[in-house]
PDB file of N, CA and C in Angstrom:
ATOM      1  N   MET A   1       0.827  -1.097   0.085  1.00  0.00           N
ATOM      2  CA  MET A   1      -0.094   0.101  -0.093  1.00  0.00           C
ATOM      3  C   MET A   1       0.860   1.180  -0.048  1.00  0.00           C
ATOM      4  N   GLN A   2       0.552   2.099  -0.817  1.00  0.00           N
ATOM      5  CA  GLN A   2       1.417   3.550  -0.991  1.00  0.00           C
ATOM      6  C   GLN A   2       1.063   4.229   0.158  1.00  0.00           C
ATOM      7  N   ALA A   3       2.011   5.038   0.762  1.00  0.00           N
ATOM      8  CA  ALA A   3       1.533   6.184   1.791  1.00  0.00           C
ATOM      9  C   ALA A   3       1.152   7.333   1.134  1.00  0.00           C
ATOM     10  N   ALA A   4       0.148   7.931   1.736  1.00  0.00           N
ATOM     11  CA  ALA A   4      -0.573   9.168   0.964  1.00  0.00           C
ATOM     12  C   ALA A   4       0.457  10.245   1.196  1.00  0.00           C
ATOM     13  N   MET A   5       0.653  10.897   0.082  1.00  0.00           N
ATOM     14  CA  MET A   5       1.561  11.960  -0.065  1.00  0.00           C
ATOM     15  C   MET A   5       0.801  13.235   0.478  1.00  0.00           C
ATOM     16  N   LYS A   6       1.647  13.790   1.239  1.00  0.00           N
ATOM     17  CA  LYS A   6       1.137  15.242   2.024  1.00  0.00           C
ATOM     18  C   LYS A   6       1.351  16.317   0.985  1.00  0.00           C
ATOM     19  N   ARG A   7       0.327  17.187   0.647  1.00  0.00           N
ATOM     20  CA  ARG A   7       0.412  18.138  -0.423  1.00  0.00           C
ATOM     21  C   ARG A   7       1.018  19.464   0.536  1.00  0.00           C
ATOM     22  N   VAL A   8       1.907  20.017  -0.353  1.00  0.00           N
ATOM     23  CA  VAL A   8       2.691  21.019   0.465  1.00  0.00           C
ATOM     24  C   VAL A   8       2.212  22.296  -0.017  1.00  0.00           C
ATOM     25  N   LEU A   9       1.590  23.190   0.971  1.00  0.00           N
ATOM     26  CA  LEU A   9       1.105  24.516   0.643  1.00  0.00           C
ATOM     27  C   LEU A   9       2.212  25.596   0.639  1.00  0.00           C
ATOM     28  N   LYS A  10       2.548  26.236  -0.437  1.00  0.00           N
ATOM     29  CA  LYS A  10       3.632  26.987  -0.670  1.00  0.00           C
ATOM     30  C   LYS A  10       3.276  28.614  -0.722  1.00  0.00           C
ATOM     31  N   GLY A  11       4.335  29.201   0.080  1.00  0.00           N
ATOM     32  CA  GLY A  11       4.319  30.552   0.209  1.00  0.00           C
ATOM     33  C   GLY A  11       5.353  31.250  -0.940  1.00  0.00           C
ATOM     34  N   LEU A  12       5.026  32.352  -1.289  1.00  0.00           N
ATOM     35  CA  LEU A  12       6.060  32.854  -2.544  1.00  0.00           C
ATOM     36  C   LEU A  12       6.792  33.923  -2.001  1.00  0.00           C
ATOM     37  N   PHE A  13       6.106  34.974  -1.448  1.00  0.00           N
ATOM     38  CA  PHE A  13       6.681  35.959  -0.808  1.00  0.00           C
ATOM     39  C   PHE A  13       5.801  36.733   0.331  1.00  0.00           C
ATOM     40  N   ARG A  14       6.394  37.659   0.904  1.00  0.00           N
ATOM     41  CA  ARG A  14       5.504  38.246   2.154  1.00  0.00           C
ATOM     42  C   ARG A  14       5.562  39.862   1.608  1.00  0.00           C
ATOM     43  N   THR A  15       4.484  40.588   1.900  1.00  0.00           N
ATOM     44  CA  THR A  15       4.486  41.967   1.419  1.00  0.00           C
ATOM     45  C   THR A  15       3.305  42.444   2.486  1.00  0.00           C
ATOM     46  N   THR A  16       2.970  43.890   2.307  1.00  0.00           N
ATOM     47  CA  THR A  16       1.953  44.734   2.977  1.00  0.00           C
ATOM     48  C   THR A  16       1.047  45.139   1.934  1.00  0.00           C
ATOM     49  N   LEU A  17      -0.275  44.932   1.922  1.00  0.00           N
ATOM     50  CA  LEU A  17      -1.172  45.399   0.935  1.00  0.00           C
ATOM     51  C   LEU A  17      -2.234  46.036   1.774  1.00  0.00           C
ATOM     52  N   PRO A  18      -2.743  47.221   0.961  1.00  0.00           N
ATOM     53  CA  PRO A  18      -3.967  48.238   1.631  1.00  0.00           C
ATOM     54  C   PRO A  18      -5.111  47.219   1.861  1.00  0.00           C
ATOM     55  N   GLY A  19      -5.862  47.395   2.823  1.00  0.00           N
ATOM     56  CA  GLY A  19      -6.935  46.584   3.135  1.00  0.00           C
ATOM     57  C   GLY A  19      -6.797  45.222   3.653  1.00  0.00           C
ATOM     58  N   ILE A  20      -5.717  44.804   3.561  1.00  0.00           N
ATOM     59  CA  ILE A  20      -5.142  43.336   4.162  1.00  0.00           C
ATOM     60  C   ILE A  20      -4.200  43.556   5.341  1.00  0.00           C
ATOM     61  N   GLY A  21      -3.122  44.338   5.076  1.00  0.00           N
ATOM     62  CA  GLY A  21      -1.988  44.493   5.778  1.00  0.00           C
ATOM     63  C   GLY A  21      -0.960  43.467   5.462  1.00  0.00           C
ATOM     64  N   GLU A  22      -0.236  43.059   6.538  1.00  0.00           N
ATOM     65  CA  GLU A  22       0.883  42.141   6.203  1.00  0.00           C
ATOM     66  C   GLU A  22       0.546  40.728   5.833  1.00  0.00           C
ATOM     67  N   CYS A  23       0.867  40.295   4.687  1.00  0.00           N
ATOM     68  CA  CYS A  23       0.339  39.055   4.007  1.00  0.00           C
ATOM     69  C   CYS A  23       1.371  38.339   3.306  1.00  0.00           C
ATOM     70  N   ALA A  24       1.016  37.200   2.789  1.00  0.00           N
ATOM     71  CA  ALA A  24       1.961  36.181   1.947  1.00  0.00           C
ATOM     72  C   ALA A  24       1.151  35.908   0.904  1.00  0.00           C
ATOM     73  N   ARG A  25       1.762  36.302  -0.338  1.00  0.00           N
ATOM     74  CA  ARG A  25       1.452  35.610  -1.426  1.00  0.00           C
ATOM     75  C   ARG A  25       1.646  34.113  -1.767  1.00  0.00           C
ATOM     76  N   VAL A  26       0.399  33.335  -2.020  1.00  0.00           N
ATOM     77  CA  VAL A  26       0.688  31.921  -1.984  1.00  0.00           C
ATOM     78  C   VAL A  26       0.318  31.479  -3.350  1.00  0.00           C
ATOM     79  N   ASP A  27       0.938  30.278  -3.534  1.00  0.00           N
ATOM     80  CA  ASP A  27       0.785  29.350  -4.911  1.00  0.00           C
ATOM     81  C   ASP A  27      -0.798  29.131  -5.038  1.00  0.00           C
ATOM     82  N   MET A  28      -1.164  29.326  -6.354  1.00  0.00           N
ATOM     83  CA  MET A  28      -2.326  29.390  -6.692  1.00  0.00           C
ATOM     84  C   MET A  28      -3.012  27.847  -6.386  1.00  0.00           C
ATOM     85  N   ARG A  29      -2.136  26.877  -6.284  1.00  0.00           N
ATOM     86  CA  ARG A  29      -2.797  25.531  -5.912  1.00  0.00           C
ATOM     87  C   ARG A  29      -3.477  25.519  -4.460  1.00  0.00           C
ATOM     88  N   ALA A  30      -3.155  26.728  -3.757  1.00  0.00           N
ATOM     89  CA  ALA A  30      -3.656  26.741  -2.516  1.00  0.00           C
ATOM     90  C   ALA A  30      -5.249  26.889  -2.382  1.00  0.00           C
ATOM     91  N   GLY A  31      -5.696  27.110  -3.598  1.00  0.00           N
ATOM     92  CA  GLY A  31      -7.281  26.997  -3.625  1.00  0.00           C
ATOM     93  C   GLY A  31      -7.939  28.278  -3.295  1.00  0.00           C
ATOM     94  N   ASP A  32      -8.931  28.073  -2.432  1.00  0.00           N
ATOM     95  CA  ASP A  32      -9.720  29.307  -1.874  1.00  0.00           C
ATOM     96  C   ASP A  32      -8.788  30.061  -0.928  1.00  0.00           C
ATOM     97  N   ALA A  33      -7.571  29.808  -0.724  1.00  0.00           N
ATOM     98  CA  ALA A  33      -6.708  30.528   0.165  1.00  0.00           C
ATOM     99  C   ALA A  33      -6.032  31.529  -0.863  1.00  0.00           C
ATOM    100  N   ALA A  34      -5.863  31.215  -2.088  1.00  0.00           N
ATOM    101  CA  ALA A  34      -5.214  32.021  -3.088  1.00  0.00           C
ATOM    102  C   ALA A  34      -5.795  33.257  -3.398  1.00  0.00           C
ATOM    103  N   PRO A  35      -5.094  34.467  -3.830  1.00  0.00           N
ATOM    104  CA  PRO A  35      -3.564  34.433  -3.757  1.00  0.00           C
ATOM    105  C   PRO A  35      -3.026  35.180  -2.580  1.00  0.00           C
ATOM    106  N   TYR A  36      -3.622  35.782  -1.596  1.00  0.00           N
ATOM    107  CA  TYR A  36      -2.885  36.439  -0.626  1.00  0.00           C
ATOM    108  C   TYR A  36      -3.596  36.039   0.745  1.00  0.00           C
ATOM    109  N   LEU A  37      -2.676  35.698   1.862  1.00  0.00           N
ATOM    110  CA  LEU A  37      -3.154  35.075   3.121  1.00  0.00           C
ATOM    111  C   LEU A  37      -2.430  36.241   4.192  1.00  0.00           C
ATOM    112  N   GLU A  38      -3.324  36.547   5.277  1.00  0.00           N
ATOM    113  CA  GLU A  38      -2.753  37.162   6.477  1.00  0.00           C
ATOM    114  C   GLU A  38      -2.105  36.200   7.166  1.00  0.00           C
ATOM    115  N   ARG A  39      -0.918  36.778   7.856  1.00  0.00           N
ATOM    116  CA  ARG A  39       0.192  35.939   8.456  1.00  0.00           C
ATOM    117  C   ARG A  39      -0.596  34.851   9.403  1.00  0.00           C
ATOM    118  N   ASP A  40      -1.642  35.135  10.191  1.00  0.00           N
ATOM    119  CA  ASP A  40      -2.175  34.231  11.001  1.00  0.00           C
ATOM    120  C   ASP A  40      -2.778  32.952  10.235  1.00  0.00           C
ATOM    121  N   MET A  41      -3.435  33.365   9.112  1.00  0.00           N
ATOM    122  CA  MET A  41      -4.100  32.310   8.446  1.00  0.00           C
ATOM    123  C   MET A  41      -2.811  31.476   7.612  1.00  0.00           C
ATOM    124  N   TYR A  42      -1.946  32.190   7.224  1.00  0.00           N
ATOM    125  CA  TYR A  42      -0.788  31.317   6.740  1.00  0.00           C
ATOM    126  C   TYR A  42      -0.199  30.254   7.659  1.00  0.00           C
ATOM    127  N   VAL A  43       0.277  30.850   8.796  1.00  0.00           N
ATOM    128  CA  VAL A  43       0.657  29.976   9.977  1.00  0.00           C
ATOM    129  C   VAL A  43      -0.611  28.711  10.198  1.00  0.00           C
ATOM    130  N   LEU A  44      -1.622  29.262  10.609  1.00  0.00           N
ATOM    131  CA  LEU A  44      -2.724  28.185  10.895  1.00  0.00           C
ATOM    132  C   LEU A  44      -2.809  27.002   9.747  1.00  0.00           C
ATOM    133  N   LEU A  45      -2.820  27.307   8.745  1.00  0.00           N
ATOM    134  CA  LEU A  45      -2.989  26.283   7.617  1.00  0.00           C
ATOM    135  C   LEU A  45      -1.802  25.539   7.097  1.00  0.00           C
ATOM    136  N   GLY A  46      -0.536  25.884   7.844  1.00  0.00           N
ATOM    137  CA  GLY A  46       0.658  25.132   7.648  1.00  0.00           C
ATOM    138  C   GLY A  46       1.354  25.328   6.261  1.00  0.00           C
ATOM    139  N   PHE A  47       1.368  26.535   5.794  1.00  0.00           N
ATOM    140  CA  PHE A  47       2.034  26.880   4.608  1.00  0.00           C
ATOM    141  C   PHE A  47       3.726  26.824   5.093  1.00  0.00           C
ATOM    142  N   GLU A  48       4.283  26.450   3.907  1.00  0.00           N
ATOM    143  CA  GLU A  48       5.868  26.506   4.047  1.00  0.00           C
ATOM    144  C   GLU A  48       6.538  27.435   3.011  1.00  0.00           C
ATOM    145  N   PRO A  49       7.493  28.122   3.216  1.00  0.00           N
ATOM    146  CA  PRO A  49       8.530  28.074   4.356  1.00  0.00           C
ATOM    147  C   PRO A  49       7.594  28.924   5.423  1.00  0.00           C
ATOM    148  N   PRO A  50       8.356  28.713   6.599  1.00  0.00           N
ATOM    149  CA  PRO A  50       7.650  29.781   7.946  1.00  0.00           C
ATOM    150  C   PRO A  50       7.551  31.116   7.293  1.00  0.00           C
ATOM    151  N   PHE A  51       6.579  31.870   7.737  1.00  0.00           N
ATOM    152  CA  PHE A  51       6.401  33.204   7.140  1.00  0.00           C
ATOM    153  C   PHE A  51       7.404  34.213   7.292  1.00  0.00           C
ATOM    154  N   ASP A  52       8.175  34.034   8.411  1.00  0.00           N
ATOM    155  CA  ASP A  52       9.289  34.939   8.692  1.00  0.00           C
ATOM    156  C   ASP A  52      10.300  34.674   7.597  1.00  0.00           C
ATOM    157  N   LEU A  53      10.536  33.484   6.979  1.00  0.00           N
ATOM    158  CA  LEU A  53      11.550  33.171   6.065  1.00  0.00           C
ATOM    159  C   LEU A  53      11.202  33.470   4.738  1.00  0.00           C
ATOM    160  N   LEU A  54       9.966  33.964   4.444  1.00  0.00           N
ATOM    161  CA  LEU A  54       9.556  34.278   3.017  1.00  0.00           C
ATOM    162  C   LEU A  54      10.315  35.447   2.591  1.00  0.00           C
ATOM    163  N   PRO A  55      10.604  35.693   1.346  1.00  0.00           N
ATOM    164  CA  PRO A  55      11.418  36.904   0.838  1.00  0.00           C
ATOM    165  C   PRO A  55      10.503  38.130   1.034  1.00  0.00           C
ATOM    166  N   ALA A  56      10.799  39.212   1.143  1.00  0.00           N
ATOM    167  CA  ALA A  56       9.794  40.254   1.316  1.00  0.00           C
ATOM    168  C   ALA A  56       9.906  41.105  -0.006  1.00  0.00           C
ATOM    169  N   SER A  57       8.755  41.477  -0.431  1.00  0.00           N
ATOM    170  CA  SER A  57       8.595  42.281  -1.839  1.00  0.00           C
ATOM    171  C   SER A  57       7.465  43.044  -1.583  1.00  0.00           C
ATOM    172  N   ALA A  58       7.708  44.354  -2.248  1.00  0.00           N
ATOM    173  CA  ALA A  58       7.024  45.576  -2.081  1.00  0.00           C
ATOM    174  C   ALA A  58       5.743  45.390  -3.256  1.00  0.00           C
ATOM    175  N   PRO A  59       4.492  45.938  -2.769  1.00  0.00           N
ATOM    176  CA  PRO A  59       3.366  45.834  -3.615  1.00  0.00           C
ATOM    177  C   PRO A  59       3.788  46.472  -4.853  1.00  0.00           C
ATOM    178  N   ARG A  60       3.017  46.273  -5.865  1.00  0.00           N
ATOM    179  CA  ARG A  60       3.367  46.816  -7.232  1.00  0.00           C
ATOM    180  C   ARG A  60       3.207  48.284  -7.399  1.00  0.00           C
ATOM    181  N   ALA A  61       2.411  49.027  -6.623  1.00  0.00           N
ATOM    182  CA  ALA A  61       2.386  50.240  -6.656  1.00  0.00           C
ATOM    183  C   ALA A  61       3.750  50.985  -6.253  1.00  0.00           C
ATOM    184  N   GLU A  62       4.283  50.324  -5.161  1.00  0.00           N
ATOM    185  CA  GLU A  62       5.485  50.894  -4.705  1.00  0.00           C
ATOM    186  C   GLU A  62       6.477  50.587  -5.666  1.00  0.00           C
ATOM    187  N   LEU A  63       6.622  49.534  -6.321  1.00  0.00           N
ATOM    188  CA  LEU A  63       7.618  49.186  -7.241  1.00  0.00           C
ATOM    189  C   LEU A  63       7.390  50.122  -8.504  1.00  0.00           C
ATOM    190  N   GLY A  64       6.133  50.444  -8.825  1.00  0.00           N
ATOM    191  CA  GLY A  64       5.921  51.454  -9.842  1.00  0.00           C
ATOM    192  C   GLY A  64       6.571  52.720  -9.645  1.00  0.00           C
ATOM    193  N   LYS A  65       6.370  53.370  -8.361  1.00  0.00           N
ATOM    194  CA  LYS A  65       6.776  54.511  -7.864  1.00  0.00           C
ATOM    195  C   LYS A  65       8.384  54.526  -7.901  1.00  0.00           C
ATOM    196  N   ALA A  66       9.041  53.434  -7.492  1.00  0.00           N
ATOM    197  CA  ALA A  66      10.496  53.329  -7.463  1.00  0.00           C
ATOM    198  C   ALA A  66      11.070  53.299  -8.980  1.00  0.00           C
ATOM    199  N   LEU A  67      10.265  52.728  -9.753  1.00  0.00           N
ATOM    200  CA  LEU A  67      10.533  52.655 -11.405  1.00  0.00           C
ATOM    201  C   LEU A  67      10.624  54.195 -11.815  1.00  0.00           C
ATOM    202  N   HIS A  68       9.437  54.791 -11.410  1.00  0.00           N
ATOM    203  CA  HIS A  68       9.168  56.206 -11.901  1.00  0.00           C
ATOM    204  C   HIS A  68      10.408  57.120 -11.636  1.00  0.00           C
ATOM    205  N   THR A  69      10.873  56.969 -10.241  1.00  0.00           N
ATOM    206  CA  THR A  69      11.996  57.910  -9.806  1.00  0.00           C
ATOM    207  C   THR A  69      13.358  57.591 -10.503  1.00  0.00           C
ATOM    208  N   GLN A  70      13.528  56.202 -10.532  1.00  0.00           N
ATOM    209  CA  GLN A  70      14.693  55.751 -11.426  1.00  0.00           C
ATOM    210  C   GLN A  70      14.874  56.013 -12.698  1.00  0.00           C
ATOM    211  N   VAL A  71      13.825  55.962 -13.610  1.00  0.00           N
ATOM    212  CA  VAL A  71      13.886  56.194 -15.120  1.00  0.00           C
ATOM    213  C   VAL A  71      13.662  57.726 -15.216  1.00  0.00           C
ATOM    214  N   GLY A  72      12.758  58.377 -14.593  1.00  0.00           N
ATOM    215  CA  GLY A  72      12.321  59.623 -14.916  1.00  0.00           C
ATOM    216  C   GLY A  72      10.645  59.792 -15.069  1.00  0.00           C
ATOM    217  N   ALA A  73      10.437  60.930 -15.172  1.00  0.00           N
ATOM    218  CA  ALA A  73       8.992  61.311 -15.429  1.00  0.00           C
ATOM    219  C   ALA A  73       8.320  60.521 -16.489  1.00  0.00           C
ATOM    220  N   PHE A  74       7.171  60.091 -16.189  1.00  0.00           N
ATOM    221  CA  PHE A  74       6.200  59.506 -17.244  1.00  0.00           C
ATOM    222  C   PHE A  74       5.574  60.602 -18.114  1.00  0.00           C
ATOM    223  N   PRO A  75       5.548  60.462 -19.443  1.00  0.00           N
ATOM    224  CA  PRO A  75       5.054  61.698 -20.204  1.00  0.00           C
ATOM    225  C   PRO A  75       3.475  61.942 -19.787  1.00  0.00           C
ATOM    226  N   GLN A  76       3.198  63.000 -19.703  1.00  0.00           N
ATOM    227  CA  GLN A  76       1.873  63.543 -19.315  1.00  0.00           C
ATOM    228  C   GLN A  76       0.884  63.542 -20.601  1.00  0.00           C
ATOM    229  N   LEU A  77      -0.173  62.958 -20.386  1.00  0.00           N
ATOM    230  CA  LEU A  77      -1.128  63.030 -21.529  1.00  0.00           C
ATOM    231  C   LEU A  77      -2.203  63.974 -21.193  1.00  0.00           C
TER     232      LEU A  77
END
């Protein structure tokens, strides 16, 4: 008889989003949990790696602002 394989729930990175706060972006195979989970739910559901070991990532809006300041002003329409 084969042993049942445990499904590993994966976190991709941690970030802070408006309306959610500190959270983790999780793999879409997490089902209803995807795409973002608050820290407490991430830990409670047993995602890996541990929340504090996830790489940090800035929300897209912040990345866009950083790009804007690095590249120069966007043309005004």
